[in-house]
Amino acid sequence: MSHSEPAVDEAALYAKVLTVSDGVFHGARDDTGGRGLAAHLAANGFDVVDHQVTHDGADQVAARLTAMCDGFAGLVVTTGGTGFAPRDQTPEGTRAVIEREAPGLAEAMRLVSPFGRLSRGVAGIRGNTIICNTPGSPKGTIEQIDAVIDVLPHALRLLHSDPTSH
């Protein structure tokens, strides 16, 4: 755990954002989707403690997710790399690091709009972290995370073995 990360507090909701984009990584494009996602998570009760950028590719995504998840308890949301283009390999990188899939989250996220059906994003668990892939478009990332944001606090409490009402 780095000096800037808070100690694990089961009552708090911590989140990290990973933007996956060759253009943003190389400075050719502005990271409007990642910044918008971080702001949206903060507005919905999450303490966004980290926002990183990596370039496209399964190995790069897997390496960055591993580093972001290890020693962290909370939510990691990726934005970008979930489509059909050859470099869109965020789901493959995510599958390489998750220990258990959470298909209900990914399915709900895809149902939000007709374009959601074009998302290959996955959701799953690594250690004490839930990872959700969202598309790179600023509108799409918000729409898809909103499809599950109401159940994520409960899912995180279950993952951290906090008592719940059921």
C-alpha atoms as a PDB file:
ATOM      1  CA  MET A   1       0.000   0.000   0.000  1.00  0.00           C
ATOM      2  CA  SER A   2       1.447   3.347  -0.975  1.00  0.00           C
ATOM      3  CA  HIS A   3       1.663   6.327   1.352  1.00  0.00           C
ATOM      4  CA  SER A   4      -1.202   8.069  -0.455  1.00  0.00           C
ATOM      5  CA  GLU A   5      -3.687   5.237  -0.037  1.00  0.00           C
ATOM      6  CA  PRO A   6      -5.932   5.222   3.005  1.00  0.00           C
ATOM      7  CA  ALA A   7      -6.017   2.338   5.436  1.00  0.00           C
ATOM      8  CA  VAL A   8      -8.832  -0.120   4.781  1.00  0.00           C
ATOM      9  CA  ASP A   9     -12.041   1.217   6.309  1.00  0.00           C
ATOM     10  CA  GLU A  10     -14.966  -1.104   5.701  1.00  0.00           C
ATOM     11  CA  ALA A  11     -17.507   1.737   6.024  1.00  0.00           C
ATOM     12  CA  ALA A  12     -15.854   3.826   3.315  1.00  0.00           C
ATOM     13  CA  LEU A  13     -16.235   3.133  -0.393  1.00  0.00           C
ATOM     14  CA  TYR A  14     -12.896   3.428  -2.165  1.00  0.00           C
ATOM     15  CA  ALA A  15     -12.497   3.454  -5.930  1.00  0.00           C
ATOM     16  CA  LYS A  16      -9.785   3.677  -8.540  1.00  0.00           C
ATOM     17  CA  VAL A  17     -10.118   4.473 -12.245  1.00  0.00           C
ATOM     18  CA  LEU A  18      -7.972   3.032 -15.030  1.00  0.00           C
ATOM     19  CA  THR A  19      -8.198   4.697 -18.443  1.00  0.00           C
ATOM     20  CA  VAL A  20      -7.144   2.323 -21.231  1.00  0.00           C
ATOM     21  CA  SER A  21      -6.278   4.305 -24.346  1.00  0.00           C
ATOM     22  CA  ASP A  22      -3.283   4.538 -26.655  1.00  0.00           C
ATOM     23  CA  GLY A  23      -4.262   8.121 -27.526  1.00  0.00           C
ATOM     24  CA  VAL A  24      -4.564   9.289 -23.923  1.00  0.00           C
ATOM     25  CA  PHE A  25      -1.417   7.396 -22.875  1.00  0.00           C
ATOM     26  CA  HIS A  26       0.629   9.113 -25.590  1.00  0.00           C
ATOM     27  CA  GLY A  27      -0.915  12.549 -24.944  1.00  0.00           C
ATOM     28  CA  ALA A  28      -2.763  12.773 -28.258  1.00  0.00           C
ATOM     29  CA  ARG A  29      -6.232  12.741 -26.646  1.00  0.00           C
ATOM     30  CA  ASP A  30      -7.765  14.267 -23.539  1.00  0.00           C
ATOM     31  CA  ASP A  31      -8.973  11.816 -20.885  1.00  0.00           C
ATOM     32  CA  THR A  32     -12.509  13.196 -20.638  1.00  0.00           C
ATOM     33  CA  GLY A  33     -13.983   9.731 -20.036  1.00  0.00           C
ATOM     34  CA  GLY A  34     -11.661   8.856 -17.163  1.00  0.00           C
ATOM     35  CA  ARG A  35     -11.986  12.232 -15.462  1.00  0.00           C
ATOM     36  CA  GLY A  36     -15.760  12.174 -15.884  1.00  0.00           C
ATOM     37  CA  LEU A  37     -15.942   8.652 -14.462  1.00  0.00           C
ATOM     38  CA  ALA A  38     -13.828   9.610 -11.438  1.00  0.00           C
ATOM     39  CA  ALA A  39     -16.015  12.661 -10.777  1.00  0.00           C
ATOM     40  CA  HIS A  40     -19.184  10.584 -11.168  1.00  0.00           C
ATOM     41  CA  LEU A  41     -17.965   7.946  -8.721  1.00  0.00           C
ATOM     42  CA  ALA A  42     -17.065  10.689  -6.226  1.00  0.00           C
ATOM     43  CA  ALA A  43     -20.507  12.263  -6.624  1.00  0.00           C
ATOM     44  CA  ASN A  44     -22.019   8.856  -5.807  1.00  0.00           C
ATOM     45  CA  GLY A  45     -20.218   8.341  -2.507  1.00  0.00           C
ATOM     46  CA  PHE A  46     -16.927   6.770  -3.577  1.00  0.00           C
ATOM     47  CA  ASP A  47     -13.590   8.125  -2.423  1.00  0.00           C
ATOM     48  CA  VAL A  48     -11.568   7.990  -5.658  1.00  0.00           C
ATOM     49  CA  VAL A  49      -8.020   7.425  -4.423  1.00  0.00           C
ATOM     50  CA  ASP A  50      -6.251   6.793  -7.751  1.00  0.00           C
ATOM     51  CA  HIS A  51      -6.653   7.446 -11.482  1.00  0.00           C
ATOM     52  CA  GLN A  52      -4.125   5.948 -13.862  1.00  0.00           C
ATOM     53  CA  VAL A  53      -3.716   5.633 -17.623  1.00  0.00           C
ATOM     54  CA  THR A  54      -2.290   2.742 -19.634  1.00  0.00           C
ATOM     55  CA  HIS A  55      -2.130   1.993 -23.309  1.00  0.00           C
ATOM     56  CA  ASP A  56      -4.238  -0.666 -24.979  1.00  0.00           C
ATOM     57  CA  GLY A  57      -3.307  -4.334 -24.875  1.00  0.00           C
ATOM     58  CA  ALA A  58      -4.101  -7.291 -22.638  1.00  0.00           C
ATOM     59  CA  ASP A  59      -0.665  -7.484 -21.020  1.00  0.00           C
ATOM     60  CA  GLN A  60      -0.585  -3.774 -20.195  1.00  0.00           C
ATOM     61  CA  VAL A  61      -4.094  -3.879 -18.714  1.00  0.00           C
ATOM     62  CA  ALA A  62      -3.323  -7.013 -16.679  1.00  0.00           C
ATOM     63  CA  ALA A  63      -0.126  -5.529 -15.265  1.00  0.00           C
ATOM     64  CA  ARG A  64      -1.765  -2.230 -14.323  1.00  0.00           C
ATOM     65  CA  LEU A  65      -4.840  -3.925 -12.789  1.00  0.00           C
ATOM     66  CA  THR A  66      -2.650  -6.250 -10.741  1.00  0.00           C
ATOM     67  CA  ALA A  67      -0.720  -3.308  -9.323  1.00  0.00           C
ATOM     68  CA  MET A  68      -3.894  -1.315  -8.648  1.00  0.00           C
ATOM     69  CA  CYS A  69      -5.733  -4.187  -6.924  1.00  0.00           C
ATOM     70  CA  ASP A  70      -3.036  -5.739  -4.768  1.00  0.00           C
ATOM     71  CA  GLY A  71      -3.376  -4.455  -1.210  1.00  0.00           C
ATOM     72  CA  PHE A  72      -6.547  -2.534  -2.110  1.00  0.00           C
ATOM     73  CA  ALA A  73     -10.114  -3.096  -0.939  1.00  0.00           C
ATOM     74  CA  GLY A  74     -12.673  -1.389  -3.138  1.00  0.00           C
ATOM     75  CA  LEU A  75     -13.762  -0.834  -6.712  1.00  0.00           C
ATOM     76  CA  VAL A  76     -11.599  -0.482  -9.821  1.00  0.00           C
ATOM     77  CA  VAL A  77     -13.404   0.739 -12.929  1.00  0.00           C
ATOM     78  CA  THR A  78     -11.694   0.669 -16.298  1.00  0.00           C
ATOM     79  CA  THR A  79     -12.756   2.895 -19.160  1.00  0.00           C
ATOM     80  CA  GLY A  80     -11.805   1.976 -22.710  1.00  0.00           C
ATOM     81  CA  GLY A  81     -10.717  -1.036 -24.686  1.00  0.00           C
ATOM     82  CA  THR A  82     -13.971  -3.022 -24.530  1.00  0.00           C
ATOM     83  CA  GLY A  83     -15.016  -2.800 -28.181  1.00  0.00           C
ATOM     84  CA  PHE A  84     -14.317  -4.688 -31.362  1.00  0.00           C
ATOM     85  CA  ALA A  85     -11.147  -2.956 -32.577  1.00  0.00           C
ATOM     86  CA  PRO A  86      -8.038  -5.169 -32.655  1.00  0.00           C
ATOM     87  CA  ARG A  87      -6.347  -3.183 -29.846  1.00  0.00           C
ATOM     88  CA  ASP A  88      -9.459  -3.400 -27.608  1.00  0.00           C
ATOM     89  CA  GLN A  89      -8.163  -6.019 -25.187  1.00  0.00           C
ATOM     90  CA  THR A  90      -9.266  -4.745 -21.786  1.00  0.00           C
ATOM     91  CA  PRO A  91     -11.555  -7.769 -21.184  1.00  0.00           C
ATOM     92  CA  GLU A  92      -8.703 -10.160 -21.956  1.00  0.00           C
ATOM     93  CA  GLY A  93      -6.384  -8.317 -19.570  1.00  0.00           C
ATOM     94  CA  THR A  94      -9.081  -8.273 -16.905  1.00  0.00           C
ATOM     95  CA  ARG A  95      -9.803 -11.991 -17.242  1.00  0.00           C
ATOM     96  CA  ALA A  96      -6.086 -12.685 -16.740  1.00  0.00           C
ATOM     97  CA  VAL A  97      -6.172 -11.116 -13.248  1.00  0.00           C
ATOM     98  CA  ILE A  98      -9.630 -11.784 -11.804  1.00  0.00           C
ATOM     99  CA  GLU A  99     -10.142 -14.770  -9.544  1.00  0.00           C
ATOM    100  CA  ARG A 100     -13.921 -14.954  -9.949  1.00  0.00           C
ATOM    101  CA  GLU A 101     -16.212 -13.442 -12.572  1.00  0.00           C
ATOM    102  CA  ALA A 102     -19.272 -11.360 -11.667  1.00  0.00           C
ATOM    103  CA  PRO A 103     -21.326 -11.904 -14.830  1.00  0.00           C
ATOM    104  CA  GLY A 104     -24.496 -10.294 -13.469  1.00  0.00           C
ATOM    105  CA  LEU A 105     -22.722  -6.950 -13.211  1.00  0.00           C
ATOM    106  CA  ALA A 106     -21.371  -7.126 -16.776  1.00  0.00           C
ATOM    107  CA  GLU A 107     -24.746  -8.261 -18.132  1.00  0.00           C
ATOM    108  CA  ALA A 108     -26.594  -5.405 -16.422  1.00  0.00           C
ATOM    109  CA  MET A 109     -24.051  -2.917 -17.717  1.00  0.00           C
ATOM    110  CA  ARG A 110     -24.514  -4.106 -21.307  1.00  0.00           C
ATOM    111  CA  LEU A 111     -28.308  -3.726 -21.151  1.00  0.00           C
ATOM    112  CA  VAL A 112     -28.316   0.058 -20.671  1.00  0.00           C
ATOM    113  CA  SER A 113     -28.374   0.994 -24.347  1.00  0.00           C
ATOM    114  CA  PRO A 114     -28.227  -0.534 -27.833  1.00  0.00           C
ATOM    115  CA  PHE A 115     -24.500   0.311 -27.986  1.00  0.00           C
ATOM    116  CA  GLY A 116     -24.028  -1.585 -24.727  1.00  0.00           C
ATOM    117  CA  ARG A 117     -24.502  -4.774 -26.716  1.00  0.00           C
ATOM    118  CA  LEU A 118     -21.233  -3.954 -28.474  1.00  0.00           C
ATOM    119  CA  SER A 119     -19.303  -3.968 -25.197  1.00  0.00           C
ATOM    120  CA  ARG A 120     -17.193  -7.012 -24.441  1.00  0.00           C
ATOM    121  CA  GLY A 121     -16.524  -5.720 -20.919  1.00  0.00           C
ATOM    122  CA  VAL A 122     -16.337  -8.108 -17.985  1.00  0.00           C
ATOM    123  CA  ALA A 123     -16.646  -7.726 -14.238  1.00  0.00           C
ATOM    124  CA  GLY A 124     -14.990  -9.786 -11.561  1.00  0.00           C
ATOM    125  CA  ILE A 125     -13.202 -10.042  -8.261  1.00  0.00           C
ATOM    126  CA  ARG A 126      -9.511  -9.985  -7.442  1.00  0.00           C
ATOM    127  CA  GLY A 127      -8.773 -10.247  -3.736  1.00  0.00           C
ATOM    128  CA  ASN A 128     -10.834  -7.552  -2.014  1.00  0.00           C
ATOM    129  CA  THR A 129     -11.447  -5.623  -5.215  1.00  0.00           C
ATOM    130  CA  ILE A 130     -14.320  -5.601  -7.684  1.00  0.00           C
ATOM    131  CA  ILE A 131     -13.235  -4.742 -11.230  1.00  0.00           C
ATOM    132  CA  CYS A 132     -15.745  -3.440 -13.789  1.00  0.00           C
ATOM    133  CA  ASN A 133     -14.888  -2.710 -17.435  1.00  0.00           C
ATOM    134  CA  THR A 134     -16.735   0.180 -19.089  1.00  0.00           C
ATOM    135  CA  PRO A 135     -16.459   1.636 -22.593  1.00  0.00           C
ATOM    136  CA  GLY A 136     -14.204   4.549 -23.408  1.00  0.00           C
ATOM    137  CA  SER A 137     -16.889   7.014 -24.420  1.00  0.00           C
ATOM    138  CA  PRO A 138     -17.678   9.547 -21.675  1.00  0.00           C
ATOM    139  CA  LYS A 139     -21.419   8.859 -22.037  1.00  0.00           C
ATOM    140  CA  GLY A 140     -21.035   5.075 -22.203  1.00  0.00           C
ATOM    141  CA  THR A 141     -18.820   4.773 -19.137  1.00  0.00           C
ATOM    142  CA  ILE A 142     -21.316   6.707 -16.985  1.00  0.00           C
ATOM    143  CA  GLU A 143     -24.339   4.836 -18.365  1.00  0.00           C
ATOM    144  CA  GLN A 144     -22.751   1.472 -17.716  1.00  0.00           C
ATOM    145  CA  ILE A 145     -21.472   2.179 -14.207  1.00  0.00           C
ATOM    146  CA  ASP A 146     -24.876   3.673 -13.324  1.00  0.00           C
ATOM    147  CA  ALA A 147     -26.463   0.326 -14.210  1.00  0.00           C
ATOM    148  CA  VAL A 148     -24.743  -1.258 -11.183  1.00  0.00           C
ATOM    149  CA  ILE A 149     -23.769   1.608  -8.890  1.00  0.00           C
ATOM    150  CA  ASP A 150     -26.761   0.928  -6.623  1.00  0.00           C
ATOM    151  CA  VAL A 151     -25.603  -2.642  -5.832  1.00  0.00           C
ATOM    152  CA  LEU A 152     -21.847  -2.039  -5.643  1.00  0.00           C
ATOM    153  CA  PRO A 153     -21.780  -0.885  -1.976  1.00  0.00           C
ATOM    154  CA  HIS A 154     -23.622  -4.066  -0.959  1.00  0.00           C
ATOM    155  CA  ALA A 155     -21.327  -6.207  -3.126  1.00  0.00           C
ATOM    156  CA  LEU A 156     -18.251  -4.609  -1.553  1.00  0.00           C
ATOM    157  CA  ARG A 157     -19.627  -5.214   1.965  1.00  0.00           C
ATOM    158  CA  LEU A 158     -20.203  -8.870   1.063  1.00  0.00           C
ATOM    159  CA  LEU A 159     -16.718  -9.140  -0.383  1.00  0.00           C
ATOM    160  CA  HIS A 160     -15.225  -7.636   2.781  1.00  0.00           C
ATOM    161  CA  SER A 161     -17.400  -9.924   4.960  1.00  0.00           C
ATOM    162  CA  ASP A 162     -19.241  -7.051   6.627  1.00  0.00           C
ATOM    163  CA  PRO A 163     -22.602  -7.929   8.169  1.00  0.00           C
ATOM    164  CA  THR A 164     -25.480  -7.264   5.791  1.00  0.00           C
ATOM    165  CA  SER A 165     -29.228  -7.233   6.208  1.00  0.00           C
ATOM    166  CA  HIS A 166     -29.904 -10.512   4.410  1.00  0.00           C
END
